[in-house]
Amino acid sequence: MRSKRFFLGFALVALALALWYLGRSGAPAPVIAPAPAPELTVVPAEPPAQPTAVVPGKPATPEPPLAMKRDGLALWEIKIDEALRSNAETPAIAQMLLQQINGMPGEGQFASARHIVNLLPDKDYLTVLPYVQNTRLDPGFQEVIVAESLNRSDEVKLPVLLAAARTPNHPMAEIAKSTLGFLLENNFGDDWGRWEAAVKEALAKKENQ
């Protein structure tokens, strides 16, 4: 047993000396051959897609929502620009913009309102009343339309203020109501019948002056 241990110990020492000697003598390290490069498979490019042919008599594609973009511009911007560049009379251009209001996003409604108030004369201004009563429209649109009425004649101003004041949840309701009370020198609370009668009376007096 002892001789076996001695022999094993001697063998380990000899191996260590041999490794030390190889390191000192600068023997070249074993060369590991590089792995062969994987083969590349060339995939041919797909041909470009052909444009879809237009079939005569096929229904036209529905017009996209005005909130979408085309050529970097929102479609509502393009619609406003097209209306303003048309050869129609200014009141007709205002009506074109009003007819597109419901399909526009809030920013488009607000931008349209700023043009509409500049295009509508007093005699056509009350065509905005159905839009004033539509609380689904953008608050900015409502503010512009109602605020501009203050620069108009009483025939325009009083009906617009009354419409805004009596419409539930209207963003300009409180301002319109207080302004109407100041102009009529009265306050009828939520009695809209009396408000309406007071507006009619004020307009009748103005006609008789």
N, C-alpha and C. Protein backbone atom coordinates (compact mmCIF):
# COMPACT_ATOMS: atom_id res chain seq x y z
N MET A 1 0.84 -1.21 0.00
CA MET A 1 0.00 0.00 0.00
C MET A 1 0.87 1.25 0.00
N ARG A 2 1.91 1.22 0.84
CA ARG A 2 2.80 2.39 0.94
C ARG A 2 3.50 2.64 -0.36
N SER A 3 3.95 1.54 -1.06
CA SER A 3 4.67 1.69 -2.32
C SER A 3 3.77 2.27 -3.41
N LYS A 4 2.46 1.91 -3.35
CA LYS A 4 1.51 2.45 -4.34
C LYS A 4 1.33 3.95 -4.15
N ARG A 5 1.21 4.39 -2.86
CA ARG A 5 1.08 5.82 -2.59
C ARG A 5 2.33 6.58 -3.05
N PHE A 6 3.48 5.96 -2.79
CA PHE A 6 4.72 6.61 -3.19
C PHE A 6 4.79 6.77 -4.70
N PHE A 7 4.40 5.68 -5.40
CA PHE A 7 4.44 5.72 -6.86
C PHE A 7 3.49 6.77 -7.40
N LEU A 8 2.27 6.89 -6.82
CA LEU A 8 1.28 7.87 -7.25
C LEU A 8 1.78 9.28 -7.00
N GLY A 9 2.38 9.52 -5.85
CA GLY A 9 2.92 10.83 -5.54
C GLY A 9 4.03 11.22 -6.48
N PHE A 10 4.89 10.23 -6.80
CA PHE A 10 5.98 10.50 -7.72
C PHE A 10 5.46 10.86 -9.10
N ALA A 11 4.41 10.15 -9.52
CA ALA A 11 3.85 10.42 -10.85
C ALA A 11 3.28 11.84 -10.93
N LEU A 12 2.57 12.30 -9.88
CA LEU A 12 2.01 13.65 -9.87
C LEU A 12 3.08 14.71 -9.92
N VAL A 13 4.20 14.47 -9.16
CA VAL A 13 5.31 15.42 -9.16
C VAL A 13 5.94 15.50 -10.53
N ALA A 14 6.11 14.33 -11.18
CA ALA A 14 6.72 14.30 -12.51
C ALA A 14 5.85 15.06 -13.51
N LEU A 15 4.52 14.88 -13.41
CA LEU A 15 3.61 15.58 -14.32
C LEU A 15 3.69 17.08 -14.12
N ALA A 16 3.75 17.53 -12.87
CA ALA A 16 3.84 18.96 -12.58
C ALA A 16 5.14 19.53 -13.13
N LEU A 17 6.28 18.79 -12.99
CA LEU A 17 7.56 19.27 -13.51
C LEU A 17 7.53 19.36 -15.03
N ALA A 18 6.89 18.40 -15.65
CA ALA A 18 6.83 18.42 -17.11
C ALA A 18 6.05 19.64 -17.60
N LEU A 19 4.91 19.94 -16.96
CA LEU A 19 4.11 21.10 -17.34
C LEU A 19 4.89 22.39 -17.12
N TRP A 20 5.63 22.44 -16.00
CA TRP A 20 6.45 23.64 -15.71
C TRP A 20 7.50 23.84 -16.77
N TYR A 21 8.13 22.74 -17.18
CA TYR A 21 9.18 22.81 -18.18
C TYR A 21 8.63 23.28 -19.53
N LEU A 22 7.47 22.75 -19.91
CA LEU A 22 6.87 23.17 -21.18
C LEU A 22 6.54 24.66 -21.17
N GLY A 23 6.06 25.15 -20.01
CA GLY A 23 5.75 26.57 -19.91
C GLY A 23 6.99 27.43 -20.01
N ARG A 24 8.13 26.97 -19.44
CA ARG A 24 9.37 27.73 -19.48
C ARG A 24 10.01 27.71 -20.85
N SER A 25 9.82 26.63 -21.58
CA SER A 25 10.51 26.48 -22.86
C SER A 25 9.79 27.17 -24.00
N GLY A 26 8.60 27.76 -23.72
CA GLY A 26 7.87 28.48 -24.78
C GLY A 26 7.29 27.57 -25.82
N ALA A 27 6.97 26.35 -25.42
CA ALA A 27 6.36 25.42 -26.37
C ALA A 27 5.04 25.99 -26.85
N PRO A 28 4.79 25.88 -28.14
CA PRO A 28 3.54 26.47 -28.66
C PRO A 28 2.32 25.78 -28.11
N ALA A 29 1.32 26.62 -27.85
CA ALA A 29 0.07 26.05 -27.34
C ALA A 29 -0.62 25.31 -28.46
N PRO A 30 -1.39 24.31 -28.13
CA PRO A 30 -2.11 23.56 -29.16
C PRO A 30 -3.05 24.48 -29.93
N VAL A 31 -3.07 24.29 -31.24
CA VAL A 31 -3.90 25.12 -32.11
C VAL A 31 -5.27 24.49 -32.25
N ILE A 32 -6.30 25.30 -31.99
CA ILE A 32 -7.68 24.81 -32.12
C ILE A 32 -8.21 25.31 -33.44
N ALA A 33 -8.57 24.43 -34.28
CA ALA A 33 -9.07 24.80 -35.61
C ALA A 33 -10.40 25.52 -35.48
N PRO A 34 -10.57 26.65 -36.19
CA PRO A 34 -11.85 27.37 -36.10
C PRO A 34 -12.97 26.54 -36.68
N ALA A 35 -14.16 26.75 -36.11
CA ALA A 35 -15.33 26.02 -36.60
C ALA A 35 -15.68 26.54 -37.97
N PRO A 36 -16.09 25.66 -38.85
CA PRO A 36 -16.45 26.10 -40.21
C PRO A 36 -17.61 27.08 -40.17
N ALA A 37 -17.54 28.12 -41.01
CA ALA A 37 -18.61 29.13 -41.05
C ALA A 37 -19.88 28.51 -41.57
N PRO A 38 -21.03 28.90 -40.98
CA PRO A 38 -22.30 28.34 -41.46
C PRO A 38 -22.59 28.82 -42.87
N GLU A 39 -23.22 27.96 -43.64
CA GLU A 39 -23.59 28.32 -45.00
C GLU A 39 -24.74 29.33 -44.99
N LEU A 40 -24.67 30.33 -45.84
CA LEU A 40 -25.71 31.35 -45.92
C LEU A 40 -26.68 31.00 -47.02
N THR A 41 -27.96 31.12 -46.69
CA THR A 41 -29.00 30.85 -47.67
C THR A 41 -29.53 32.17 -48.20
N VAL A 42 -29.43 32.41 -49.47
CA VAL A 42 -29.89 33.65 -50.08
C VAL A 42 -31.37 33.52 -50.42
N VAL A 43 -32.18 34.41 -49.80
CA VAL A 43 -33.62 34.40 -50.05
C VAL A 43 -33.93 35.49 -51.06
N PRO A 44 -34.48 35.18 -52.20
CA PRO A 44 -34.78 36.23 -53.20
C PRO A 44 -35.81 37.21 -52.69
N ALA A 45 -35.62 38.50 -53.00
CA ALA A 45 -36.55 39.55 -52.56
C ALA A 45 -37.89 39.36 -53.24
N GLU A 46 -38.97 39.65 -52.45
CA GLU A 46 -40.31 39.55 -53.01
C GLU A 46 -40.56 40.72 -53.95
N PRO A 47 -41.25 40.48 -55.05
CA PRO A 47 -41.56 41.59 -55.96
C PRO A 47 -42.47 42.59 -55.30
N PRO A 48 -42.38 43.89 -55.65
CA PRO A 48 -43.23 44.92 -55.03
C PRO A 48 -44.70 44.63 -55.32
N ALA A 49 -45.53 45.00 -54.32
CA ALA A 49 -46.96 44.76 -54.45
C ALA A 49 -47.53 45.61 -55.57
N GLN A 50 -48.40 45.02 -56.34
CA GLN A 50 -49.02 45.73 -57.43
C GLN A 50 -50.19 46.56 -56.92
N PRO A 51 -50.39 47.75 -57.46
CA PRO A 51 -51.52 48.56 -57.01
C PRO A 51 -52.85 47.87 -57.32
N THR A 52 -53.80 48.09 -56.41
CA THR A 52 -55.12 47.48 -56.58
C THR A 52 -55.84 48.14 -57.74
N ALA A 53 -56.33 47.32 -58.62
CA ALA A 53 -57.03 47.86 -59.78
C ALA A 53 -58.39 48.40 -59.37
N VAL A 54 -58.78 49.50 -60.00
CA VAL A 54 -60.09 50.10 -59.74
C VAL A 54 -61.12 49.41 -60.62
N VAL A 55 -62.13 48.84 -59.98
CA VAL A 55 -63.17 48.13 -60.72
C VAL A 55 -64.30 49.10 -61.02
N PRO A 56 -64.62 49.31 -62.30
CA PRO A 56 -65.73 50.23 -62.63
C PRO A 56 -67.03 49.78 -61.98
N GLY A 57 -67.74 50.75 -61.44
CA GLY A 57 -69.03 50.45 -60.82
C GLY A 57 -68.94 50.02 -59.38
N LYS A 58 -67.70 49.82 -58.88
CA LYS A 58 -67.54 49.42 -57.48
C LYS A 58 -67.77 50.61 -56.56
N PRO A 59 -68.52 50.42 -55.44
CA PRO A 59 -68.79 51.56 -54.54
C PRO A 59 -67.50 52.20 -54.05
N ALA A 60 -67.53 53.51 -53.93
CA ALA A 60 -66.35 54.25 -53.46
C ALA A 60 -66.06 53.92 -52.01
N THR A 61 -64.79 53.97 -51.63
CA THR A 61 -64.40 53.74 -50.25
C THR A 61 -64.94 54.85 -49.37
N PRO A 62 -65.55 54.51 -48.22
CA PRO A 62 -66.09 55.56 -47.34
C PRO A 62 -65.01 56.56 -46.94
N GLU A 63 -65.39 57.81 -46.84
CA GLU A 63 -64.43 58.86 -46.47
C GLU A 63 -63.96 58.65 -45.05
N PRO A 64 -62.64 58.71 -44.78
CA PRO A 64 -62.14 58.47 -43.43
C PRO A 64 -62.56 59.58 -42.48
N PRO A 65 -62.55 59.29 -41.16
CA PRO A 65 -62.91 60.32 -40.18
C PRO A 65 -61.98 61.53 -40.30
N LEU A 66 -62.54 62.71 -39.97
CA LEU A 66 -61.76 63.94 -40.12
C LEU A 66 -60.64 64.06 -39.10
N ALA A 67 -60.59 63.14 -38.13
CA ALA A 67 -59.49 63.18 -37.16
C ALA A 67 -58.23 62.55 -37.73
N MET A 68 -58.34 61.80 -38.84
CA MET A 68 -57.17 61.16 -39.44
C MET A 68 -56.32 62.18 -40.19
N LYS A 69 -55.15 61.70 -40.66
CA LYS A 69 -54.21 62.61 -41.33
C LYS A 69 -53.96 62.17 -42.76
N ARG A 70 -53.60 63.15 -43.59
CA ARG A 70 -53.22 62.89 -44.97
C ARG A 70 -52.14 63.89 -45.34
N ASP A 71 -51.04 63.39 -45.83
CA ASP A 71 -49.90 64.24 -46.21
C ASP A 71 -49.44 65.12 -45.05
N GLY A 72 -49.49 64.56 -43.84
CA GLY A 72 -49.01 65.30 -42.67
C GLY A 72 -50.00 66.26 -42.06
N LEU A 73 -51.17 66.43 -42.68
CA LEU A 73 -52.18 67.34 -42.15
C LEU A 73 -53.41 66.55 -41.72
N ALA A 74 -54.05 67.02 -40.64
CA ALA A 74 -55.31 66.41 -40.23
C ALA A 74 -56.35 66.69 -41.30
N LEU A 75 -57.25 65.73 -41.52
CA LEU A 75 -58.25 65.91 -42.57
C LEU A 75 -59.16 67.10 -42.28
N TRP A 76 -59.38 67.40 -40.99
CA TRP A 76 -60.22 68.57 -40.70
C TRP A 76 -59.52 69.86 -41.14
N GLU A 77 -58.19 69.90 -41.06
CA GLU A 77 -57.45 71.07 -41.54
C GLU A 77 -57.61 71.22 -43.05
N ILE A 78 -57.55 70.08 -43.74
CA ILE A 78 -57.71 70.11 -45.19
C ILE A 78 -59.11 70.57 -45.57
N LYS A 79 -60.13 70.08 -44.84
CA LYS A 79 -61.52 70.46 -45.13
C LYS A 79 -61.74 71.95 -44.90
N ILE A 80 -61.18 72.49 -43.83
CA ILE A 80 -61.31 73.92 -43.57
C ILE A 80 -60.64 74.72 -44.68
N ASP A 81 -59.44 74.29 -45.06
CA ASP A 81 -58.70 74.99 -46.12
C ASP A 81 -59.46 74.95 -47.43
N GLU A 82 -60.04 73.79 -47.76
CA GLU A 82 -60.81 73.67 -49.00
C GLU A 82 -62.01 74.60 -48.99
N ALA A 83 -62.68 74.69 -47.83
CA ALA A 83 -63.85 75.57 -47.74
C ALA A 83 -63.46 77.03 -47.91
N LEU A 84 -62.37 77.42 -47.25
CA LEU A 84 -61.94 78.82 -47.32
C LEU A 84 -61.44 79.21 -48.71
N ARG A 85 -60.92 78.23 -49.45
CA ARG A 85 -60.42 78.51 -50.79
C ARG A 85 -61.50 78.42 -51.87
N SER A 86 -62.70 78.01 -51.47
CA SER A 86 -63.76 77.87 -52.47
C SER A 86 -64.21 79.25 -52.95
N ASN A 87 -64.93 79.26 -54.05
CA ASN A 87 -65.41 80.51 -54.63
C ASN A 87 -66.79 80.91 -54.12
N ALA A 88 -67.27 80.21 -53.09
CA ALA A 88 -68.60 80.50 -52.55
C ALA A 88 -68.59 81.82 -51.78
N GLU A 89 -69.80 82.38 -51.59
CA GLU A 89 -69.94 83.57 -50.76
C GLU A 89 -69.60 83.23 -49.31
N THR A 90 -69.19 84.24 -48.56
CA THR A 90 -68.74 83.97 -47.19
C THR A 90 -69.80 83.31 -46.30
N PRO A 91 -71.09 83.69 -46.38
CA PRO A 91 -72.07 82.97 -45.56
C PRO A 91 -72.18 81.50 -45.95
N ALA A 92 -72.03 81.21 -47.24
CA ALA A 92 -72.10 79.82 -47.70
C ALA A 92 -70.90 79.02 -47.19
N ILE A 93 -69.74 79.66 -47.13
CA ILE A 93 -68.55 78.99 -46.60
C ILE A 93 -68.76 78.66 -45.13
N ALA A 94 -69.35 79.59 -44.39
CA ALA A 94 -69.64 79.35 -42.98
C ALA A 94 -70.57 78.16 -42.82
N GLN A 95 -71.58 78.05 -43.70
CA GLN A 95 -72.50 76.93 -43.63
C GLN A 95 -71.80 75.62 -43.97
N MET A 96 -70.86 75.66 -44.90
CA MET A 96 -70.07 74.46 -45.25
C MET A 96 -69.31 73.96 -44.02
N LEU A 97 -68.73 74.90 -43.29
CA LEU A 97 -67.99 74.52 -42.08
C LEU A 97 -68.92 73.99 -41.00
N LEU A 98 -70.08 74.63 -40.84
CA LEU A 98 -71.04 74.16 -39.83
C LEU A 98 -71.50 72.75 -40.12
N GLN A 99 -71.70 72.43 -41.38
CA GLN A 99 -72.19 71.10 -41.74
C GLN A 99 -71.17 70.00 -41.45
N GLN A 100 -69.90 70.37 -41.30
CA GLN A 100 -68.86 69.38 -41.02
C GLN A 100 -68.47 69.33 -39.55
N ILE A 101 -69.06 70.20 -38.74
CA ILE A 101 -68.67 70.32 -37.34
C ILE A 101 -68.81 69.00 -36.58
N ASN A 102 -69.92 68.31 -36.76
CA ASN A 102 -70.17 67.10 -35.98
C ASN A 102 -69.15 65.99 -36.25
N GLY A 103 -68.53 65.99 -37.41
CA GLY A 103 -67.54 64.97 -37.73
C GLY A 103 -66.12 65.33 -37.37
N MET A 104 -65.92 66.54 -36.86
CA MET A 104 -64.56 67.00 -36.54
C MET A 104 -64.21 66.73 -35.08
N PRO A 105 -62.92 66.53 -34.79
CA PRO A 105 -62.49 66.47 -33.38
C PRO A 105 -62.59 67.86 -32.76
N GLY A 106 -62.41 67.92 -31.45
CA GLY A 106 -62.57 69.18 -30.73
C GLY A 106 -61.73 70.32 -31.28
N GLU A 107 -60.46 70.05 -31.60
CA GLU A 107 -59.60 71.12 -32.10
C GLU A 107 -60.08 71.63 -33.46
N GLY A 108 -60.66 70.73 -34.25
CA GLY A 108 -61.20 71.16 -35.54
C GLY A 108 -62.45 72.00 -35.38
N GLN A 109 -63.29 71.65 -34.40
CA GLN A 109 -64.49 72.43 -34.12
C GLN A 109 -64.13 73.84 -33.66
N PHE A 110 -63.13 73.90 -32.79
CA PHE A 110 -62.70 75.21 -32.28
C PHE A 110 -62.13 76.07 -33.41
N ALA A 111 -61.28 75.47 -34.25
CA ALA A 111 -60.70 76.22 -35.37
C ALA A 111 -61.78 76.68 -36.34
N SER A 112 -62.77 75.82 -36.60
CA SER A 112 -63.86 76.19 -37.51
C SER A 112 -64.67 77.34 -36.94
N ALA A 113 -64.93 77.32 -35.64
CA ALA A 113 -65.73 78.37 -35.01
C ALA A 113 -65.10 79.74 -35.21
N ARG A 114 -63.79 79.81 -35.15
CA ARG A 114 -63.10 81.10 -35.32
C ARG A 114 -63.28 81.66 -36.72
N HIS A 115 -63.43 80.77 -37.70
CA HIS A 115 -63.71 81.22 -39.06
C HIS A 115 -65.19 81.55 -39.23
N ILE A 116 -66.03 80.71 -38.65
CA ILE A 116 -67.48 80.89 -38.82
C ILE A 116 -67.93 82.25 -38.33
N VAL A 117 -67.45 82.69 -37.16
CA VAL A 117 -67.90 83.97 -36.61
C VAL A 117 -67.44 85.15 -37.47
N ASN A 118 -66.38 84.95 -38.24
CA ASN A 118 -65.91 86.02 -39.13
C ASN A 118 -66.63 86.02 -40.47
N LEU A 119 -67.28 84.90 -40.79
CA LEU A 119 -67.91 84.76 -42.09
C LEU A 119 -69.42 85.03 -42.06
N LEU A 120 -70.05 84.88 -40.89
CA LEU A 120 -71.50 85.02 -40.81
C LEU A 120 -71.91 86.46 -40.53
N PRO A 121 -72.74 87.05 -41.36
CA PRO A 121 -73.31 88.37 -41.04
C PRO A 121 -74.43 88.22 -40.01
N ASP A 122 -74.87 89.33 -39.45
CA ASP A 122 -75.92 89.28 -38.44
C ASP A 122 -77.17 88.56 -38.94
N LYS A 123 -77.54 88.82 -40.18
CA LYS A 123 -78.80 88.26 -40.69
C LYS A 123 -78.78 86.74 -40.78
N ASP A 124 -77.57 86.14 -40.79
CA ASP A 124 -77.46 84.68 -40.87
C ASP A 124 -76.95 84.05 -39.57
N TYR A 125 -76.66 84.87 -38.58
CA TYR A 125 -75.97 84.35 -37.40
C TYR A 125 -76.82 83.36 -36.60
N LEU A 126 -78.14 83.54 -36.61
CA LEU A 126 -78.99 82.65 -35.81
C LEU A 126 -79.05 81.23 -36.36
N THR A 127 -78.42 80.99 -37.51
CA THR A 127 -78.33 79.60 -37.99
C THR A 127 -77.43 78.75 -37.09
N VAL A 128 -76.69 79.40 -36.17
CA VAL A 128 -75.83 78.65 -35.25
C VAL A 128 -76.61 78.12 -34.05
N LEU A 129 -77.87 78.53 -33.87
CA LEU A 129 -78.62 78.14 -32.67
C LEU A 129 -78.68 76.63 -32.44
N PRO A 130 -78.94 75.80 -33.47
CA PRO A 130 -78.95 74.35 -33.21
C PRO A 130 -77.60 73.83 -32.71
N TYR A 131 -76.53 74.48 -33.12
CA TYR A 131 -75.19 74.05 -32.68
C TYR A 131 -74.91 74.55 -31.27
N VAL A 132 -75.42 75.71 -30.94
CA VAL A 132 -75.28 76.22 -29.57
C VAL A 132 -75.97 75.29 -28.59
N GLN A 133 -77.08 74.70 -28.99
CA GLN A 133 -77.85 73.81 -28.12
C GLN A 133 -77.31 72.39 -28.09
N ASN A 134 -76.29 72.10 -28.88
CA ASN A 134 -75.69 70.76 -28.92
C ASN A 134 -74.49 70.72 -27.98
N THR A 135 -74.70 70.19 -26.78
CA THR A 135 -73.63 70.18 -25.77
C THR A 135 -72.59 69.09 -26.03
N ARG A 136 -72.77 68.28 -27.07
CA ARG A 136 -71.75 67.29 -27.41
C ARG A 136 -70.59 67.94 -28.17
N LEU A 137 -70.80 69.16 -28.63
CA LEU A 137 -69.73 69.86 -29.33
C LEU A 137 -68.69 70.38 -28.35
N ASP A 138 -67.52 70.67 -28.88
CA ASP A 138 -66.40 71.09 -28.04
C ASP A 138 -66.71 72.38 -27.28
N PRO A 139 -66.34 72.46 -25.99
CA PRO A 139 -66.57 73.69 -25.23
C PRO A 139 -65.92 74.91 -25.87
N GLY A 140 -64.76 74.73 -26.50
CA GLY A 140 -64.10 75.86 -27.17
C GLY A 140 -64.95 76.40 -28.31
N PHE A 141 -65.59 75.51 -29.05
CA PHE A 141 -66.51 75.94 -30.11
C PHE A 141 -67.63 76.78 -29.52
N GLN A 142 -68.24 76.30 -28.43
CA GLN A 142 -69.35 77.01 -27.81
C GLN A 142 -68.92 78.38 -27.29
N GLU A 143 -67.76 78.44 -26.69
CA GLU A 143 -67.27 79.72 -26.15
C GLU A 143 -67.10 80.76 -27.24
N VAL A 144 -66.53 80.34 -28.38
CA VAL A 144 -66.30 81.29 -29.48
C VAL A 144 -67.63 81.79 -30.04
N ILE A 145 -68.56 80.87 -30.28
CA ILE A 145 -69.84 81.23 -30.89
C ILE A 145 -70.65 82.15 -29.97
N VAL A 146 -70.73 81.80 -28.69
CA VAL A 146 -71.53 82.59 -27.75
C VAL A 146 -70.86 83.93 -27.46
N ALA A 147 -69.56 83.93 -27.27
CA ALA A 147 -68.85 85.18 -26.97
C ALA A 147 -68.96 86.16 -28.13
N GLU A 148 -68.89 85.68 -29.36
CA GLU A 148 -68.99 86.56 -30.53
C GLU A 148 -70.36 87.22 -30.61
N SER A 149 -71.40 86.55 -30.10
CA SER A 149 -72.75 87.14 -30.17
C SER A 149 -72.83 88.46 -29.40
N LEU A 150 -71.94 88.65 -28.43
CA LEU A 150 -71.95 89.89 -27.65
C LEU A 150 -71.54 91.08 -28.50
N ASN A 151 -70.88 90.83 -29.62
CA ASN A 151 -70.48 91.91 -30.52
C ASN A 151 -71.54 92.19 -31.58
N ARG A 152 -72.66 91.46 -31.53
CA ARG A 152 -73.70 91.59 -32.54
C ARG A 152 -74.87 92.41 -32.01
N SER A 153 -75.82 92.62 -32.89
CA SER A 153 -77.03 93.36 -32.52
C SER A 153 -77.85 92.57 -31.50
N ASP A 154 -78.81 93.25 -30.85
CA ASP A 154 -79.66 92.56 -29.86
C ASP A 154 -80.45 91.43 -30.51
N GLU A 155 -80.80 91.59 -31.78
CA GLU A 155 -81.56 90.55 -32.48
C GLU A 155 -80.78 89.24 -32.56
N VAL A 156 -79.47 89.35 -32.51
CA VAL A 156 -78.60 88.16 -32.51
C VAL A 156 -78.22 87.78 -31.09
N LYS A 157 -77.77 88.76 -30.36
CA LYS A 157 -77.21 88.55 -29.03
C LYS A 157 -78.19 87.90 -28.06
N LEU A 158 -79.39 88.44 -27.95
CA LEU A 158 -80.33 87.95 -26.94
C LEU A 158 -80.78 86.51 -27.21
N PRO A 159 -81.15 86.14 -28.44
CA PRO A 159 -81.52 84.72 -28.67
C PRO A 159 -80.38 83.74 -28.44
N VAL A 160 -79.16 84.11 -28.81
CA VAL A 160 -78.03 83.20 -28.61
C VAL A 160 -77.76 83.03 -27.12
N LEU A 161 -77.77 84.11 -26.36
CA LEU A 161 -77.56 84.02 -24.92
C LEU A 161 -78.65 83.19 -24.25
N LEU A 162 -79.89 83.37 -24.68
CA LEU A 162 -81.00 82.61 -24.11
C LEU A 162 -80.84 81.12 -24.42
N ALA A 163 -80.44 80.79 -25.66
CA ALA A 163 -80.25 79.39 -26.03
C ALA A 163 -79.16 78.73 -25.19
N ALA A 164 -78.05 79.44 -24.96
CA ALA A 164 -76.96 78.88 -24.15
C ALA A 164 -77.37 78.76 -22.69
N ALA A 165 -78.06 79.77 -22.17
CA ALA A 165 -78.43 79.79 -20.76
C ALA A 165 -79.40 78.67 -20.40
N ARG A 166 -80.33 78.36 -21.30
CA ARG A 166 -81.38 77.39 -20.97
C ARG A 166 -81.01 75.96 -21.36
N THR A 167 -79.84 75.75 -21.97
CA THR A 167 -79.41 74.41 -22.37
C THR A 167 -78.68 73.74 -21.22
N PRO A 168 -79.21 72.61 -20.70
CA PRO A 168 -78.55 71.94 -19.56
C PRO A 168 -77.11 71.55 -19.88
N ASN A 169 -76.24 71.75 -18.90
CA ASN A 169 -74.82 71.38 -19.00
C ASN A 169 -74.05 72.15 -20.08
N HIS A 170 -74.59 73.27 -20.50
CA HIS A 170 -73.87 74.07 -21.48
C HIS A 170 -72.67 74.75 -20.82
N PRO A 171 -71.48 74.72 -21.43
CA PRO A 171 -70.30 75.31 -20.80
C PRO A 171 -70.40 76.82 -20.60
N MET A 172 -71.29 77.49 -21.34
CA MET A 172 -71.44 78.94 -21.21
C MET A 172 -72.75 79.33 -20.53
N ALA A 173 -73.43 78.36 -19.92
CA ALA A 173 -74.77 78.61 -19.39
C ALA A 173 -74.78 79.71 -18.33
N GLU A 174 -73.90 79.64 -17.36
CA GLU A 174 -73.91 80.61 -16.26
C GLU A 174 -73.54 82.01 -16.75
N ILE A 175 -72.54 82.08 -17.61
CA ILE A 175 -72.13 83.39 -18.15
C ILE A 175 -73.25 83.99 -18.99
N ALA A 176 -73.86 83.13 -19.82
CA ALA A 176 -74.96 83.61 -20.68
C ALA A 176 -76.13 84.10 -19.83
N LYS A 177 -76.45 83.39 -18.78
CA LYS A 177 -77.58 83.76 -17.92
C LYS A 177 -77.34 85.08 -17.20
N SER A 178 -76.14 85.23 -16.64
CA SER A 178 -75.84 86.48 -15.93
C SER A 178 -75.79 87.66 -16.90
N THR A 179 -75.26 87.46 -18.09
CA THR A 179 -75.20 88.53 -19.10
C THR A 179 -76.60 88.91 -19.55
N LEU A 180 -77.45 87.90 -19.74
CA LEU A 180 -78.83 88.14 -20.15
C LEU A 180 -79.57 88.92 -19.07
N GLY A 181 -79.33 88.58 -17.82
CA GLY A 181 -79.97 89.32 -16.72
C GLY A 181 -79.53 90.77 -16.68
N PHE A 182 -78.25 91.00 -16.97
CA PHE A 182 -77.74 92.37 -17.00
C PHE A 182 -78.37 93.17 -18.13
N LEU A 183 -78.47 92.56 -19.30
CA LEU A 183 -79.02 93.27 -20.45
C LEU A 183 -80.52 93.54 -20.31
N LEU A 184 -81.24 92.60 -19.71
CA LEU A 184 -82.69 92.76 -19.54
C LEU A 184 -83.06 93.41 -18.22
N GLU A 185 -82.04 93.64 -17.37
CA GLU A 185 -82.24 94.25 -16.05
C GLU A 185 -83.26 93.46 -15.25
N ASN A 186 -83.12 92.14 -15.29
CA ASN A 186 -84.03 91.26 -14.57
C ASN A 186 -83.35 89.93 -14.34
N ASN A 187 -83.91 89.15 -13.40
CA ASN A 187 -83.41 87.80 -13.15
C ASN A 187 -84.61 86.91 -12.85
N PHE A 188 -84.88 85.98 -13.77
CA PHE A 188 -86.04 85.11 -13.63
C PHE A 188 -85.64 83.70 -13.21
N GLY A 189 -84.43 83.55 -12.71
CA GLY A 189 -84.01 82.23 -12.24
C GLY A 189 -84.04 81.21 -13.36
N ASP A 190 -84.73 80.09 -13.11
CA ASP A 190 -84.86 79.04 -14.11
C ASP A 190 -86.23 79.03 -14.77
N ASP A 191 -86.93 80.14 -14.69
CA ASP A 191 -88.23 80.26 -15.35
C ASP A 191 -87.99 80.70 -16.79
N TRP A 192 -87.75 79.74 -17.66
CA TRP A 192 -87.35 80.05 -19.02
C TRP A 192 -88.48 80.64 -19.85
N GLY A 193 -89.70 80.38 -19.45
CA GLY A 193 -90.83 81.01 -20.12
C GLY A 193 -90.79 82.52 -19.95
N ARG A 194 -90.48 82.98 -18.74
CA ARG A 194 -90.41 84.42 -18.47
C ARG A 194 -89.19 85.04 -19.14
N TRP A 195 -88.07 84.28 -19.19
CA TRP A 195 -86.89 84.78 -19.89
C TRP A 195 -87.22 84.99 -21.37
N GLU A 196 -87.87 83.99 -21.97
CA GLU A 196 -88.20 84.08 -23.39
C GLU A 196 -89.14 85.25 -23.66
N ALA A 197 -90.12 85.42 -22.78
CA ALA A 197 -91.06 86.53 -22.94
C ALA A 197 -90.34 87.87 -22.83
N ALA A 198 -89.38 87.96 -21.91
CA ALA A 198 -88.63 89.20 -21.72
C ALA A 198 -87.77 89.52 -22.94
N VAL A 199 -87.19 88.48 -23.55
CA VAL A 199 -86.39 88.69 -24.76
C VAL A 199 -87.28 89.20 -25.89
N LYS A 200 -88.44 88.58 -26.07
CA LYS A 200 -89.36 89.02 -27.13
C LYS A 200 -89.82 90.45 -26.90
N GLU A 201 -90.08 90.80 -25.66
CA GLU A 201 -90.52 92.16 -25.34
C GLU A 201 -89.42 93.18 -25.64
N ALA A 202 -88.18 92.83 -25.28
CA ALA A 202 -87.06 93.75 -25.52
C ALA A 202 -86.85 93.96 -27.01
N LEU A 203 -86.99 92.89 -27.80
CA LEU A 203 -86.80 93.01 -29.23
C LEU A 203 -87.95 93.78 -29.88
N ALA A 204 -89.16 93.61 -29.35
CA ALA A 204 -90.32 94.34 -29.90
C ALA A 204 -90.17 95.84 -29.63
N LYS A 205 -89.69 96.19 -28.44
CA LYS A 205 -89.48 97.61 -28.12
C LYS A 205 -88.43 98.21 -29.05
N LYS A 206 -87.41 97.43 -29.35
CA LYS A 206 -86.33 97.94 -30.22
C LYS A 206 -86.87 98.20 -31.62
N GLU A 207 -87.75 97.36 -32.09
CA GLU A 207 -88.32 97.55 -33.43
C GLU A 207 -89.19 98.80 -33.50
N ASN A 208 -89.82 99.13 -32.39
CA ASN A 208 -90.75 100.27 -32.37
C ASN A 208 -90.04 101.60 -32.12
N GLN A 209 -88.77 101.54 -31.84
CA GLN A 209 -88.04 102.80 -31.57
C GLN A 209 -87.71 103.54 -32.87
